[in-house]
Amino acid sequence: MSSRELALQMTLYDFELFNCVYESEFVVSVFKKSHFPDKIVGNLDCFLARFNEVQHWLLRKFVLTPLISKRVHILRKFIKIAQHCRDFQNMLAFFGIIMGLSNIAVSRLTQTWEKLPGKF
């Protein structure tokens, strides 16, 4: 699957999650659930959990790949996916990928980053 198609599918899924979130869930989240004990923010929780899913997906792909050449390929793929997500205005997936790339487990892999071509 191409990076663009994967980013598009992620965007469609994230948009569907976002559409399920009610405005009142944001208010309850801001003013804490203790002030609104009978309110449930399940849709917002699912939407926010999606950010963590994207970030951990990237981390798993990196950490579980033993060969540097394959890690470089994965790194390039995720950078392209992030670019497409930004183009599609999917900030949830975009920042999930950026935060995953910024994670210490990924950023400390200096040999992988050094082998990344200069255009990235």
C-alpha atoms as a PDB file:
ATOM      1  CA  MET A   1       0.000   0.000   0.000  1.00  0.00           C
ATOM      2  CA  SER A   2       1.354   3.407  -0.891  1.00  0.00           C
ATOM      3  CA  SER A   3       2.088   6.037   1.748  1.00  0.00           C
ATOM      4  CA  ARG A   4      -0.582   8.294   0.303  1.00  0.00           C
ATOM      5  CA  GLU A   5      -3.261   5.595   0.373  1.00  0.00           C
ATOM      6  CA  LEU A   6      -2.357   4.623   3.931  1.00  0.00           C
ATOM      7  CA  ALA A   7      -2.514   8.274   5.027  1.00  0.00           C
ATOM      8  CA  LEU A   8      -5.871   8.655   3.300  1.00  0.00           C
ATOM      9  CA  GLN A   9      -7.301   5.606   5.057  1.00  0.00           C
ATOM     10  CA  MET A  10      -5.959   6.849   8.394  1.00  0.00           C
ATOM     11  CA  THR A  11      -7.562  10.238   7.722  1.00  0.00           C
ATOM     12  CA  LEU A  12     -10.938   8.699   6.912  1.00  0.00           C
ATOM     13  CA  TYR A  13     -10.835   6.596  10.080  1.00  0.00           C
ATOM     14  CA  ASP A  14      -9.727   9.519  12.263  1.00  0.00           C
ATOM     15  CA  PHE A  15     -12.410  11.773  10.761  1.00  0.00           C
ATOM     16  CA  GLU A  16     -15.058   9.184  11.584  1.00  0.00           C
ATOM     17  CA  LEU A  17     -13.809   9.039  15.179  1.00  0.00           C
ATOM     18  CA  PHE A  18     -13.801  12.828  15.378  1.00  0.00           C
ATOM     19  CA  ASN A  19     -17.370  13.046  14.082  1.00  0.00           C
ATOM     20  CA  CYS A  20     -18.520  10.824  16.949  1.00  0.00           C
ATOM     21  CA  VAL A  21     -17.239  13.257  19.602  1.00  0.00           C
ATOM     22  CA  TYR A  22     -19.902  15.553  21.063  1.00  0.00           C
ATOM     23  CA  GLU A  23     -19.118  19.143  21.975  1.00  0.00           C
ATOM     24  CA  SER A  24     -20.196  18.481  25.548  1.00  0.00           C
ATOM     25  CA  GLU A  25     -17.416  15.906  25.885  1.00  0.00           C
ATOM     26  CA  PHE A  26     -14.828  18.630  25.356  1.00  0.00           C
ATOM     27  CA  VAL A  27     -16.452  20.767  28.066  1.00  0.00           C
ATOM     28  CA  VAL A  28     -16.572  17.846  30.494  1.00  0.00           C
ATOM     29  CA  SER A  29     -12.943  17.038  29.722  1.00  0.00           C
ATOM     30  CA  VAL A  30     -11.798  20.619  30.282  1.00  0.00           C
ATOM     31  CA  PHE A  31     -13.711  21.102  33.532  1.00  0.00           C
ATOM     32  CA  LYS A  32     -12.835  17.642  34.812  1.00  0.00           C
ATOM     33  CA  LYS A  33     -15.124  14.700  35.181  1.00  0.00           C
ATOM     34  CA  SER A  34     -15.528  15.313  38.915  1.00  0.00           C
ATOM     35  CA  HIS A  35     -17.784  18.298  38.182  1.00  0.00           C
ATOM     36  CA  PHE A  36     -19.862  16.152  35.827  1.00  0.00           C
ATOM     37  CA  PRO A  37     -19.997  12.688  37.423  1.00  0.00           C
ATOM     38  CA  ASP A  38     -22.895  11.491  35.280  1.00  0.00           C
ATOM     39  CA  LYS A  39     -21.300  12.470  31.950  1.00  0.00           C
ATOM     40  CA  ILE A  40     -19.366   9.986  29.860  1.00  0.00           C
ATOM     41  CA  VAL A  41     -16.634  11.102  27.475  1.00  0.00           C
ATOM     42  CA  GLY A  42     -16.146   7.737  25.789  1.00  0.00           C
ATOM     43  CA  ASN A  43     -15.982   9.092  22.260  1.00  0.00           C
ATOM     44  CA  LEU A  44     -13.382  11.667  23.205  1.00  0.00           C
ATOM     45  CA  ASP A  45     -11.384   9.008  25.051  1.00  0.00           C
ATOM     46  CA  CYS A  46     -11.432   6.797  21.937  1.00  0.00           C
ATOM     47  CA  PHE A  47     -10.336   9.721  19.798  1.00  0.00           C
ATOM     48  CA  LEU A  48      -7.455  10.546  22.127  1.00  0.00           C
ATOM     49  CA  ALA A  49      -6.484   6.876  22.408  1.00  0.00           C
ATOM     50  CA  ARG A  50      -6.089   6.862  18.635  1.00  0.00           C
ATOM     51  CA  PHE A  51      -3.163   9.274  18.995  1.00  0.00           C
ATOM     52  CA  ASN A  52      -1.427   6.799  21.302  1.00  0.00           C
ATOM     53  CA  GLU A  53      -2.204   3.917  18.935  1.00  0.00           C
ATOM     54  CA  VAL A  54      -0.495   5.699  16.034  1.00  0.00           C
ATOM     55  CA  GLN A  55       2.508   6.607  18.160  1.00  0.00           C
ATOM     56  CA  HIS A  56       2.908   3.074  19.550  1.00  0.00           C
ATOM     57  CA  TRP A  57       2.409   1.531  16.120  1.00  0.00           C
ATOM     58  CA  LEU A  58       5.408   3.503  14.863  1.00  0.00           C
ATOM     59  CA  LEU A  59       7.459   2.556  17.924  1.00  0.00           C
ATOM     60  CA  ARG A  60       6.684  -1.150  17.516  1.00  0.00           C
ATOM     61  CA  LYS A  61       7.610  -1.086  13.839  1.00  0.00           C
ATOM     62  CA  PHE A  62      10.957   0.533  14.631  1.00  0.00           C
ATOM     63  CA  VAL A  63      11.992  -1.331  17.722  1.00  0.00           C
ATOM     64  CA  LEU A  64      11.041  -4.758  16.384  1.00  0.00           C
ATOM     65  CA  THR A  65      12.971  -4.306  13.115  1.00  0.00           C
ATOM     66  CA  PRO A  66      16.520  -5.595  13.608  1.00  0.00           C
ATOM     67  CA  LEU A  67      18.074  -4.592  10.262  1.00  0.00           C
ATOM     68  CA  ILE A  68      19.177  -0.990   9.847  1.00  0.00           C
ATOM     69  CA  SER A  69      18.308  -0.966   6.130  1.00  0.00           C
ATOM     70  CA  LYS A  70      14.732  -1.992   6.879  1.00  0.00           C
ATOM     71  CA  ARG A  71      14.490   0.585   9.674  1.00  0.00           C
ATOM     72  CA  VAL A  72      15.613   3.284   7.224  1.00  0.00           C
ATOM     73  CA  HIS A  73      12.901   2.143   4.813  1.00  0.00           C
ATOM     74  CA  ILE A  74      10.307   2.274   7.626  1.00  0.00           C
ATOM     75  CA  LEU A  75      11.544   5.714   8.671  1.00  0.00           C
ATOM     76  CA  ARG A  76      11.168   7.042   5.126  1.00  0.00           C
ATOM     77  CA  LYS A  77       7.713   5.490   4.863  1.00  0.00           C
ATOM     78  CA  PHE A  78       6.514   7.093   8.108  1.00  0.00           C
ATOM     79  CA  ILE A  79       7.891  10.486   7.102  1.00  0.00           C
ATOM     80  CA  LYS A  80       5.992  10.249   3.814  1.00  0.00           C
ATOM     81  CA  ILE A  81       2.837   9.164   5.647  1.00  0.00           C
ATOM     82  CA  ALA A  82       3.191  12.145   7.997  1.00  0.00           C
ATOM     83  CA  GLN A  83       3.576  14.499   5.017  1.00  0.00           C
ATOM     84  CA  HIS A  84       0.428  13.124   3.423  1.00  0.00           C
ATOM     85  CA  CYS A  85      -1.467  13.315   6.726  1.00  0.00           C
ATOM     86  CA  ARG A  86      -0.477  16.969   6.981  1.00  0.00           C
ATOM     87  CA  ASP A  87      -1.651  17.537   3.409  1.00  0.00           C
ATOM     88  CA  PHE A  88      -4.986  15.870   4.271  1.00  0.00           C
ATOM     89  CA  GLN A  89      -5.132  18.064   7.427  1.00  0.00           C
ATOM     90  CA  ASN A  90      -5.145  15.003   9.675  1.00  0.00           C
ATOM     91  CA  MET A  91      -3.319  16.549  12.593  1.00  0.00           C
ATOM     92  CA  LEU A  92      -4.092  13.619  14.888  1.00  0.00           C
ATOM     93  CA  ALA A  93      -2.104  11.123  12.811  1.00  0.00           C
ATOM     94  CA  PHE A  94       0.475  13.730  11.792  1.00  0.00           C
ATOM     95  CA  PHE A  95       1.387  14.592  15.369  1.00  0.00           C
ATOM     96  CA  GLY A  96       1.104  10.945  16.442  1.00  0.00           C
ATOM     97  CA  ILE A  97       3.797  10.091  13.900  1.00  0.00           C
ATOM     98  CA  ILE A  98       5.906  13.127  14.816  1.00  0.00           C
ATOM     99  CA  MET A  99       5.731  12.252  18.512  1.00  0.00           C
ATOM    100  CA  GLY A 100       6.597   8.646  17.701  1.00  0.00           C
ATOM    101  CA  LEU A 101       9.642   9.781  15.734  1.00  0.00           C
ATOM    102  CA  SER A 102      10.605  12.065  18.626  1.00  0.00           C
ATOM    103  CA  ASN A 103      10.417   9.242  21.144  1.00  0.00           C
ATOM    104  CA  ILE A 104      13.754   8.423  22.755  1.00  0.00           C
ATOM    105  CA  ALA A 105      13.556   4.792  21.595  1.00  0.00           C
ATOM    106  CA  VAL A 106      13.538   5.994  17.968  1.00  0.00           C
ATOM    107  CA  SER A 107      15.652   9.128  18.168  1.00  0.00           C
ATOM    108  CA  ARG A 108      18.567   7.299  19.799  1.00  0.00           C
ATOM    109  CA  LEU A 109      18.950   5.011  16.764  1.00  0.00           C
ATOM    110  CA  THR A 110      21.643   7.241  15.290  1.00  0.00           C
ATOM    111  CA  GLN A 111      22.839   4.781  12.651  1.00  0.00           C
ATOM    112  CA  THR A 112      19.333   4.631  11.215  1.00  0.00           C
ATOM    113  CA  TRP A 113      18.983   8.416  11.120  1.00  0.00           C
ATOM    114  CA  GLU A 114      22.435   8.824   9.558  1.00  0.00           C
ATOM    115  CA  LYS A 115      21.508   6.528   6.665  1.00  0.00           C
ATOM    116  CA  LEU A 116      18.395   8.557   5.881  1.00  0.00           C
ATOM    117  CA  PRO A 117      18.869  10.501   2.594  1.00  0.00           C
ATOM    118  CA  GLY A 118      19.353  14.245   2.893  1.00  0.00           C
ATOM    119  CA  LYS A 119      16.041  15.142   1.231  1.00  0.00           C
ATOM    120  CA  PHE A 120      14.197  13.849   4.275  1.00  0.00           C
END
